[in-house]
Amino acid sequence: MNLSALSIKNPVFAWMLMFALLFFGALSYRQMGISQNPDVDFPYVNVGVDYEGAAPEVMEKDVVDPIEGVLVSVEGIKKISSSARTGSANISVEFELDKDIDVAVQEVQTAVARARRNLPDDVEPPIVTKSNPEDRPIMWLAVRSSEISRQELMHLVKTRIADQFTTLSGVS
């Protein structure tokens, strides 16, 4: 006998079952935990490379391009972005949310190891790290004064200004 046949024969049972489901659902909803900052591991991997004295153009042509060339073969990549400065480069790889970050790091390390033989000989070994953009601040504020000392300014910021920012809604 299925549930619909049982409910037709016993309508009181169907009503009691419906009210029980609504009651326990509402009770569970009220006791459900909500976190302002849930712990989410965003699958971001960074590759940092140092090549002392190299111009940004050289970094891009001789270092970034070969590494990006092998990274595109890694599965699950959502976006690759890079920046080159004098003597250093950083390649950020964003993966799909369902990608395990530890597997992503291993796959990126393997790909970077393949690209290593195409890099100039005096390039430092690339450093592969996982990162979480949630750990980075959204906004930086600087306070400066020509009238009070740095110690007084630091005390003022800690005791008066910082407290006012933490009381704003949405600031954690």
N, C-alpha and C. Protein backbone atom coordinates (compact mmCIF):
# COMPACT_ATOMS: atom_id res chain seq x y z
N MET A 1 0.85 -1.18 0.00
CA MET A 1 0.00 0.00 0.00
C MET A 1 0.90 1.24 0.00
N ASN A 2 0.63 2.15 -0.91
CA ASN A 2 1.46 3.35 -0.98
C ASN A 2 0.88 4.47 -0.13
N LEU A 3 1.64 5.55 -0.01
CA LEU A 3 1.27 6.66 0.87
C LEU A 3 0.00 7.35 0.42
N SER A 4 -0.22 7.48 -0.89
CA SER A 4 -1.43 8.17 -1.36
C SER A 4 -2.69 7.37 -1.02
N ALA A 5 -2.64 6.05 -1.18
CA ALA A 5 -3.81 5.21 -0.84
C ALA A 5 -4.07 5.26 0.65
N LEU A 6 -3.01 5.22 1.46
CA LEU A 6 -3.16 5.29 2.92
C LEU A 6 -3.74 6.63 3.34
N SER A 7 -3.32 7.73 2.69
CA SER A 7 -3.83 9.06 3.03
C SER A 7 -5.28 9.23 2.65
N ILE A 8 -5.72 8.60 1.55
CA ILE A 8 -7.12 8.69 1.13
C ILE A 8 -8.02 7.94 2.11
N LYS A 9 -7.55 6.78 2.57
CA LYS A 9 -8.35 5.99 3.52
C LYS A 9 -8.35 6.60 4.91
N ASN A 10 -7.24 7.29 5.29
CA ASN A 10 -7.11 7.87 6.63
C ASN A 10 -6.71 9.34 6.51
N PRO A 11 -7.67 10.23 6.25
CA PRO A 11 -7.32 11.65 6.05
C PRO A 11 -6.75 12.30 7.32
N VAL A 12 -7.14 11.82 8.49
CA VAL A 12 -6.60 12.39 9.73
C VAL A 12 -5.10 12.08 9.82
N PHE A 13 -4.70 10.89 9.42
CA PHE A 13 -3.29 10.52 9.40
C PHE A 13 -2.51 11.45 8.46
N ALA A 14 -3.07 11.76 7.30
CA ALA A 14 -2.40 12.64 6.34
C ALA A 14 -2.21 14.04 6.92
N TRP A 15 -3.28 14.55 7.59
CA TRP A 15 -3.17 15.87 8.21
C TRP A 15 -2.15 15.88 9.34
N MET A 16 -2.14 14.85 10.16
CA MET A 16 -1.18 14.77 11.26
C MET A 16 0.26 14.69 10.72
N LEU A 17 0.44 13.93 9.66
CA LEU A 17 1.76 13.82 9.05
C LEU A 17 2.22 15.16 8.48
N MET A 18 1.30 15.89 7.83
CA MET A 18 1.63 17.18 7.27
C MET A 18 1.99 18.18 8.37
N PHE A 19 1.20 18.22 9.46
CA PHE A 19 1.49 19.14 10.56
C PHE A 19 2.80 18.78 11.26
N ALA A 20 3.09 17.51 11.38
CA ALA A 20 4.35 17.09 12.00
C ALA A 20 5.54 17.54 11.15
N LEU A 21 5.43 17.37 9.84
CA LEU A 21 6.51 17.82 8.96
C LEU A 21 6.70 19.34 9.03
N LEU A 22 5.61 20.09 9.04
CA LEU A 22 5.70 21.55 9.15
C LEU A 22 6.29 21.96 10.49
N PHE A 23 5.86 21.33 11.58
CA PHE A 23 6.34 21.68 12.91
C PHE A 23 7.84 21.41 13.03
N PHE A 24 8.27 20.21 12.66
CA PHE A 24 9.68 19.87 12.79
C PHE A 24 10.55 20.64 11.79
N GLY A 25 10.00 20.97 10.64
CA GLY A 25 10.72 21.81 9.69
C GLY A 25 10.96 23.20 10.23
N ALA A 26 9.92 23.81 10.82
CA ALA A 26 10.05 25.14 11.41
C ALA A 26 11.00 25.11 12.61
N LEU A 27 10.92 24.07 13.42
CA LEU A 27 11.81 23.93 14.56
C LEU A 27 13.27 23.80 14.10
N SER A 28 13.50 23.02 13.08
CA SER A 28 14.85 22.84 12.55
C SER A 28 15.38 24.13 11.93
N TYR A 29 14.52 24.85 11.23
CA TYR A 29 14.93 26.09 10.60
C TYR A 29 15.39 27.12 11.63
N ARG A 30 14.66 27.20 12.76
CA ARG A 30 15.00 28.16 13.80
C ARG A 30 16.33 27.83 14.46
N GLN A 31 16.68 26.54 14.54
CA GLN A 31 17.92 26.14 15.22
C GLN A 31 19.09 25.93 14.26
N MET A 32 18.87 26.21 12.98
CA MET A 32 19.93 26.03 11.99
C MET A 32 20.99 27.11 12.20
N GLY A 33 22.26 26.69 12.21
CA GLY A 33 23.35 27.62 12.41
C GLY A 33 23.64 28.43 11.16
N ILE A 34 23.96 29.70 11.38
CA ILE A 34 24.32 30.60 10.28
C ILE A 34 25.65 31.22 10.64
N SER A 35 26.58 31.17 9.72
CA SER A 35 27.90 31.73 9.96
C SER A 35 28.07 32.97 9.09
N GLN A 36 28.56 34.05 9.70
CA GLN A 36 28.79 35.27 8.94
C GLN A 36 29.93 35.08 7.95
N ASN A 37 30.92 34.31 8.35
CA ASN A 37 32.06 34.02 7.48
C ASN A 37 32.24 32.51 7.37
N PRO A 38 31.47 31.85 6.52
CA PRO A 38 31.62 30.40 6.41
C PRO A 38 32.98 30.04 5.85
N ASP A 39 33.49 28.89 6.26
CA ASP A 39 34.80 28.43 5.82
C ASP A 39 34.65 27.76 4.47
N VAL A 40 35.00 28.49 3.42
CA VAL A 40 34.90 27.98 2.07
C VAL A 40 36.30 27.99 1.47
N ASP A 41 36.72 26.87 0.92
CA ASP A 41 38.02 26.81 0.25
C ASP A 41 37.82 27.09 -1.22
N PHE A 42 38.16 28.30 -1.63
CA PHE A 42 38.10 28.64 -3.04
C PHE A 42 39.32 28.05 -3.72
N PRO A 43 39.14 27.36 -4.81
CA PRO A 43 40.28 26.71 -5.46
C PRO A 43 41.11 27.69 -6.29
N TYR A 44 41.99 28.43 -5.64
CA TYR A 44 42.92 29.32 -6.29
C TYR A 44 44.33 28.81 -6.04
N VAL A 45 45.15 28.78 -7.09
CA VAL A 45 46.54 28.36 -6.97
C VAL A 45 47.40 29.46 -7.58
N ASN A 46 48.47 29.83 -6.89
CA ASN A 46 49.40 30.84 -7.36
C ASN A 46 50.74 30.20 -7.70
N VAL A 47 51.34 30.67 -8.77
CA VAL A 47 52.69 30.25 -9.15
C VAL A 47 53.55 31.51 -9.15
N GLY A 48 54.54 31.54 -8.29
CA GLY A 48 55.45 32.68 -8.20
C GLY A 48 56.81 32.29 -8.76
N VAL A 49 57.37 33.17 -9.59
CA VAL A 49 58.65 32.90 -10.22
C VAL A 49 59.54 34.13 -10.09
N ASP A 50 60.80 33.92 -9.69
CA ASP A 50 61.78 35.00 -9.60
C ASP A 50 62.87 34.80 -10.63
N TYR A 51 63.23 35.88 -11.32
CA TYR A 51 64.29 35.87 -12.32
C TYR A 51 65.00 37.21 -12.17
N GLU A 52 66.01 37.23 -11.34
CA GLU A 52 66.64 38.47 -10.93
C GLU A 52 67.13 39.30 -12.10
N GLY A 53 66.73 40.57 -12.10
CA GLY A 53 67.18 41.53 -13.10
C GLY A 53 66.43 41.50 -14.42
N ALA A 54 65.51 40.59 -14.61
CA ALA A 54 64.79 40.49 -15.89
C ALA A 54 63.71 41.56 -15.98
N ALA A 55 63.60 42.17 -17.14
CA ALA A 55 62.57 43.18 -17.39
C ALA A 55 61.20 42.49 -17.45
N PRO A 56 60.13 43.23 -17.22
CA PRO A 56 58.79 42.63 -17.29
C PRO A 56 58.49 41.98 -18.63
N GLU A 57 58.97 42.57 -19.71
CA GLU A 57 58.74 41.98 -21.04
C GLU A 57 59.43 40.63 -21.16
N VAL A 58 60.64 40.52 -20.63
CA VAL A 58 61.39 39.26 -20.65
C VAL A 58 60.69 38.24 -19.76
N MET A 59 60.22 38.69 -18.61
CA MET A 59 59.50 37.79 -17.70
C MET A 59 58.28 37.20 -18.41
N GLU A 60 57.56 38.06 -19.12
CA GLU A 60 56.35 37.57 -19.79
C GLU A 60 56.69 36.59 -20.91
N LYS A 61 57.65 36.94 -21.74
CA LYS A 61 57.98 36.12 -22.92
C LYS A 61 58.68 34.82 -22.53
N ASP A 62 59.67 34.90 -21.64
CA ASP A 62 60.50 33.73 -21.33
C ASP A 62 60.01 32.90 -20.16
N VAL A 63 59.18 33.46 -19.30
CA VAL A 63 58.76 32.74 -18.09
C VAL A 63 57.26 32.50 -18.05
N VAL A 64 56.48 33.58 -18.14
CA VAL A 64 55.03 33.46 -17.97
C VAL A 64 54.39 32.67 -19.11
N ASP A 65 54.75 33.00 -20.35
CA ASP A 65 54.14 32.31 -21.50
C ASP A 65 54.37 30.80 -21.49
N PRO A 66 55.61 30.31 -21.23
CA PRO A 66 55.79 28.85 -21.18
C PRO A 66 55.00 28.18 -20.05
N ILE A 67 54.91 28.84 -18.90
CA ILE A 67 54.16 28.25 -17.78
C ILE A 67 52.66 28.25 -18.10
N GLU A 68 52.14 29.37 -18.61
CA GLU A 68 50.72 29.40 -18.99
C GLU A 68 50.42 28.38 -20.07
N GLY A 69 51.39 28.14 -20.97
CA GLY A 69 51.20 27.17 -22.04
C GLY A 69 50.95 25.76 -21.54
N VAL A 70 51.60 25.38 -20.44
CA VAL A 70 51.36 24.03 -19.89
C VAL A 70 50.18 24.02 -18.92
N LEU A 71 49.87 25.17 -18.32
CA LEU A 71 48.76 25.21 -17.36
C LEU A 71 47.40 25.03 -18.04
N VAL A 72 47.28 25.44 -19.30
CA VAL A 72 45.99 25.31 -19.98
C VAL A 72 45.59 23.85 -20.16
N SER A 73 46.53 22.92 -20.02
CA SER A 73 46.20 21.50 -20.15
C SER A 73 45.60 20.91 -18.87
N VAL A 74 45.66 21.64 -17.77
CA VAL A 74 45.10 21.17 -16.50
C VAL A 74 43.59 21.30 -16.55
N GLU A 75 42.89 20.25 -16.13
CA GLU A 75 41.42 20.26 -16.19
C GLU A 75 40.80 21.07 -15.06
N GLY A 76 39.65 21.68 -15.35
CA GLY A 76 38.86 22.38 -14.34
C GLY A 76 39.24 23.83 -14.14
N ILE A 77 40.09 24.38 -15.00
CA ILE A 77 40.50 25.78 -14.85
C ILE A 77 39.37 26.70 -15.32
N LYS A 78 39.07 27.67 -14.49
CA LYS A 78 38.06 28.67 -14.82
C LYS A 78 38.71 29.91 -15.43
N LYS A 79 39.86 30.33 -14.85
CA LYS A 79 40.51 31.55 -15.32
C LYS A 79 41.99 31.53 -14.95
N ILE A 80 42.82 32.04 -15.84
CA ILE A 80 44.25 32.21 -15.56
C ILE A 80 44.58 33.68 -15.75
N SER A 81 45.25 34.27 -14.77
CA SER A 81 45.70 35.66 -14.90
C SER A 81 47.14 35.73 -14.42
N SER A 82 47.89 36.66 -14.99
CA SER A 82 49.29 36.76 -14.62
C SER A 82 49.72 38.21 -14.56
N SER A 83 50.79 38.44 -13.82
CA SER A 83 51.40 39.76 -13.76
C SER A 83 52.90 39.58 -13.75
N ALA A 84 53.59 40.48 -14.45
CA ALA A 84 55.04 40.41 -14.53
C ALA A 84 55.61 41.75 -14.10
N ARG A 85 56.62 41.69 -13.24
CA ARG A 85 57.33 42.88 -12.78
C ARG A 85 58.81 42.64 -13.04
N THR A 86 59.59 43.64 -12.77
CA THR A 86 61.03 43.47 -12.92
C THR A 86 61.51 42.42 -11.94
N GLY A 87 61.98 41.30 -12.47
CA GLY A 87 62.57 40.25 -11.64
C GLY A 87 61.60 39.24 -11.07
N SER A 88 60.30 39.41 -11.27
CA SER A 88 59.35 38.44 -10.71
C SER A 88 58.07 38.39 -11.53
N ALA A 89 57.39 37.29 -11.40
CA ALA A 89 56.10 37.11 -12.07
C ALA A 89 55.19 36.30 -11.17
N ASN A 90 53.90 36.52 -11.30
CA ASN A 90 52.91 35.78 -10.53
C ASN A 90 51.80 35.33 -11.47
N ILE A 91 51.49 34.05 -11.43
CA ILE A 91 50.42 33.50 -12.25
C ILE A 91 49.36 32.95 -11.30
N SER A 92 48.13 33.45 -11.42
CA SER A 92 47.03 33.00 -10.57
C SER A 92 46.09 32.14 -11.41
N VAL A 93 45.77 30.97 -10.87
CA VAL A 93 44.89 30.04 -11.57
C VAL A 93 43.65 29.84 -10.70
N GLU A 94 42.49 30.15 -11.26
CA GLU A 94 41.22 29.94 -10.56
C GLU A 94 40.56 28.70 -11.15
N PHE A 95 40.17 27.78 -10.27
CA PHE A 95 39.52 26.54 -10.69
C PHE A 95 38.03 26.62 -10.42
N GLU A 96 37.28 25.71 -11.01
CA GLU A 96 35.86 25.59 -10.73
C GLU A 96 35.68 25.24 -9.25
N LEU A 97 34.55 25.63 -8.65
CA LEU A 97 34.34 25.43 -7.22
C LEU A 97 34.33 23.96 -6.80
N ASP A 98 33.96 23.06 -7.70
CA ASP A 98 33.89 21.65 -7.33
C ASP A 98 35.26 20.96 -7.39
N LYS A 99 36.30 21.68 -7.78
CA LYS A 99 37.65 21.11 -7.88
C LYS A 99 38.28 21.07 -6.50
N ASP A 100 38.82 19.91 -6.13
CA ASP A 100 39.53 19.76 -4.85
C ASP A 100 40.83 20.56 -4.93
N ILE A 101 41.04 21.45 -3.97
CA ILE A 101 42.19 22.35 -4.02
C ILE A 101 43.51 21.60 -3.92
N ASP A 102 43.56 20.53 -3.15
CA ASP A 102 44.81 19.78 -3.01
C ASP A 102 45.17 19.06 -4.31
N VAL A 103 44.16 18.53 -5.00
CA VAL A 103 44.39 17.90 -6.31
C VAL A 103 44.83 18.96 -7.31
N ALA A 104 44.22 20.14 -7.25
CA ALA A 104 44.58 21.23 -8.16
C ALA A 104 46.03 21.64 -7.96
N VAL A 105 46.47 21.73 -6.72
CA VAL A 105 47.87 22.10 -6.44
C VAL A 105 48.81 21.06 -7.03
N GLN A 106 48.48 19.78 -6.85
CA GLN A 106 49.33 18.71 -7.39
C GLN A 106 49.40 18.79 -8.92
N GLU A 107 48.26 19.00 -9.56
CA GLU A 107 48.24 19.08 -11.02
C GLU A 107 49.02 20.29 -11.54
N VAL A 108 48.91 21.43 -10.84
CA VAL A 108 49.66 22.62 -11.24
C VAL A 108 51.16 22.39 -11.03
N GLN A 109 51.54 21.76 -9.91
CA GLN A 109 52.96 21.47 -9.68
C GLN A 109 53.52 20.57 -10.77
N THR A 110 52.75 19.58 -11.19
CA THR A 110 53.19 18.69 -12.27
C THR A 110 53.36 19.45 -13.57
N ALA A 111 52.40 20.32 -13.89
CA ALA A 111 52.48 21.10 -15.12
C ALA A 111 53.66 22.06 -15.09
N VAL A 112 53.89 22.70 -13.95
CA VAL A 112 55.00 23.64 -13.83
C VAL A 112 56.34 22.90 -13.94
N ALA A 113 56.40 21.68 -13.41
CA ALA A 113 57.62 20.88 -13.54
C ALA A 113 57.91 20.58 -15.01
N ARG A 114 56.85 20.34 -15.80
CA ARG A 114 57.04 20.11 -17.25
C ARG A 114 57.56 21.37 -17.93
N ALA A 115 57.08 22.54 -17.49
CA ALA A 115 57.48 23.80 -18.11
C ALA A 115 58.87 24.23 -17.67
N ARG A 116 59.37 23.68 -16.60
CA ARG A 116 60.66 24.10 -16.03
C ARG A 116 61.80 23.97 -17.04
N ARG A 117 61.77 22.93 -17.89
CA ARG A 117 62.87 22.72 -18.85
C ARG A 117 62.86 23.76 -19.97
N ASN A 118 61.73 24.49 -20.15
CA ASN A 118 61.65 25.53 -21.17
C ASN A 118 61.97 26.91 -20.63
N LEU A 119 62.26 27.00 -19.34
CA LEU A 119 62.57 28.29 -18.72
C LEU A 119 64.07 28.55 -18.80
N PRO A 120 64.48 29.80 -18.72
CA PRO A 120 65.92 30.10 -18.70
C PRO A 120 66.61 29.40 -17.52
N ASP A 121 67.89 29.10 -17.68
CA ASP A 121 68.62 28.33 -16.67
C ASP A 121 68.74 29.02 -15.32
N ASP A 122 68.87 30.35 -15.31
CA ASP A 122 69.08 31.05 -14.05
C ASP A 122 67.79 31.52 -13.38
N VAL A 123 66.65 31.01 -13.81
CA VAL A 123 65.37 31.32 -13.15
C VAL A 123 65.27 30.47 -11.89
N GLU A 124 64.85 31.12 -10.81
CA GLU A 124 64.62 30.38 -9.56
C GLU A 124 63.49 29.37 -9.78
N PRO A 125 63.49 28.25 -9.08
CA PRO A 125 62.39 27.29 -9.24
C PRO A 125 61.04 27.94 -8.88
N PRO A 126 60.03 27.74 -9.71
CA PRO A 126 58.72 28.32 -9.43
C PRO A 126 58.14 27.77 -8.12
N ILE A 127 57.45 28.63 -7.40
CA ILE A 127 56.83 28.26 -6.13
C ILE A 127 55.32 28.20 -6.34
N VAL A 128 54.73 27.02 -6.09
CA VAL A 128 53.30 26.81 -6.27
C VAL A 128 52.64 26.79 -4.89
N THR A 129 51.67 27.65 -4.69
CA THR A 129 50.96 27.72 -3.41
C THR A 129 49.46 27.83 -3.67
N LYS A 130 48.68 27.35 -2.71
CA LYS A 130 47.24 27.57 -2.79
C LYS A 130 46.92 28.83 -2.01
N SER A 131 45.92 29.55 -2.46
CA SER A 131 45.54 30.78 -1.77
C SER A 131 44.04 30.88 -1.74
N ASN A 132 43.56 31.67 -0.81
CA ASN A 132 42.13 31.89 -0.67
C ASN A 132 41.88 33.39 -0.75
N PRO A 133 41.15 33.84 -1.76
CA PRO A 133 40.91 35.27 -1.88
C PRO A 133 40.12 35.84 -0.70
N GLU A 134 39.43 34.98 0.03
CA GLU A 134 38.69 35.45 1.21
C GLU A 134 39.63 35.93 2.30
N ASP A 135 40.89 35.47 2.27
CA ASP A 135 41.85 35.87 3.29
C ASP A 135 42.43 37.26 3.02
N ARG A 136 42.22 37.77 1.84
CA ARG A 136 42.74 39.09 1.50
C ARG A 136 41.75 40.16 1.92
N PRO A 137 42.24 41.28 2.41
CA PRO A 137 41.31 42.36 2.77
C PRO A 137 40.69 42.98 1.53
N ILE A 138 39.47 43.45 1.69
CA ILE A 138 38.77 44.10 0.59
C ILE A 138 39.22 45.55 0.47
N MET A 139 39.54 46.16 1.60
CA MET A 139 39.89 47.57 1.58
C MET A 139 41.02 47.83 2.57
N TRP A 140 41.95 48.68 2.18
CA TRP A 140 43.03 49.14 3.04
C TRP A 140 42.79 50.62 3.34
N LEU A 141 43.00 51.00 4.57
CA LEU A 141 42.88 52.40 4.93
C LEU A 141 44.21 52.87 5.51
N ALA A 142 44.59 54.09 5.20
CA ALA A 142 45.82 54.68 5.74
C ALA A 142 45.45 55.96 6.46
N VAL A 143 46.11 56.19 7.58
CA VAL A 143 45.87 57.39 8.37
C VAL A 143 47.21 58.09 8.55
N ARG A 144 47.22 59.39 8.34
CA ARG A 144 48.45 60.15 8.44
C ARG A 144 48.17 61.48 9.12
N SER A 145 49.13 61.94 9.89
CA SER A 145 48.96 63.23 10.55
C SER A 145 50.32 63.90 10.69
N SER A 146 50.34 65.21 10.48
CA SER A 146 51.57 65.97 10.69
C SER A 146 51.56 66.66 12.04
N GLU A 147 50.47 66.47 12.79
CA GLU A 147 50.33 67.19 14.06
C GLU A 147 50.59 66.32 15.28
N ILE A 148 50.40 65.01 15.19
CA ILE A 148 50.65 64.15 16.35
C ILE A 148 51.65 63.06 15.96
N SER A 149 52.27 62.46 16.96
CA SER A 149 53.30 61.45 16.70
C SER A 149 52.67 60.15 16.21
N ARG A 150 53.51 59.26 15.68
CA ARG A 150 53.00 57.97 15.18
C ARG A 150 52.39 57.13 16.28
N GLN A 151 52.99 57.16 17.47
CA GLN A 151 52.45 56.38 18.59
C GLN A 151 51.07 56.89 18.99
N GLU A 152 50.92 58.20 19.06
CA GLU A 152 49.62 58.78 19.40
C GLU A 152 48.59 58.48 18.31
N LEU A 153 49.03 58.55 17.07
CA LEU A 153 48.14 58.26 15.96
C LEU A 153 47.70 56.79 15.99
N MET A 154 48.64 55.89 16.26
CA MET A 154 48.31 54.47 16.35
C MET A 154 47.31 54.21 17.48
N HIS A 155 47.52 54.86 18.62
CA HIS A 155 46.60 54.70 19.75
C HIS A 155 45.21 55.24 19.38
N LEU A 156 45.16 56.37 18.70
CA LEU A 156 43.89 56.95 18.28
C LEU A 156 43.15 56.02 17.33
N VAL A 157 43.85 55.45 16.38
CA VAL A 157 43.21 54.54 15.42
C VAL A 157 42.69 53.30 16.13
N LYS A 158 43.49 52.72 17.02
CA LYS A 158 43.07 51.49 17.71
C LYS A 158 41.89 51.72 18.65
N THR A 159 41.89 52.83 19.35
CA THR A 159 40.85 53.04 20.37
C THR A 159 39.59 53.70 19.84
N ARG A 160 39.68 54.51 18.83
CA ARG A 160 38.50 55.24 18.38
C ARG A 160 38.01 54.83 16.99
N ILE A 161 38.90 54.82 16.03
CA ILE A 161 38.49 54.64 14.63
C ILE A 161 38.16 53.18 14.34
N ALA A 162 39.02 52.25 14.76
CA ALA A 162 38.80 50.82 14.46
C ALA A 162 37.49 50.33 15.06
N ASP A 163 37.17 50.76 16.28
CA ASP A 163 35.92 50.32 16.92
C ASP A 163 34.69 50.78 16.14
N GLN A 164 34.74 51.94 15.56
CA GLN A 164 33.60 52.43 14.79
C GLN A 164 33.38 51.62 13.52
N PHE A 165 34.47 51.13 12.90
CA PHE A 165 34.31 50.30 11.71
C PHE A 165 33.75 48.93 12.07
N THR A 166 34.14 48.36 13.19
CA THR A 166 33.67 47.03 13.54
C THR A 166 32.20 47.02 13.95
N THR A 167 31.63 48.17 14.28
CA THR A 167 30.21 48.20 14.64
C THR A 167 29.30 48.35 13.43
N LEU A 168 29.87 48.60 12.25
CA LEU A 168 29.06 48.73 11.04
C LEU A 168 28.52 47.36 10.62
N SER A 169 27.30 47.32 10.12
CA SER A 169 26.75 46.06 9.67
C SER A 169 27.47 45.63 8.40
N GLY A 170 27.75 44.34 8.32
CA GLY A 170 28.45 43.80 7.15
C GLY A 170 29.96 43.78 7.29
N VAL A 171 30.49 44.42 8.34
CA VAL A 171 31.93 44.42 8.59
C VAL A 171 32.21 43.36 9.65
N SER A 172 33.13 42.47 9.35
CA SER A 172 33.43 41.43 10.35
C SER A 172 34.84 41.59 10.88
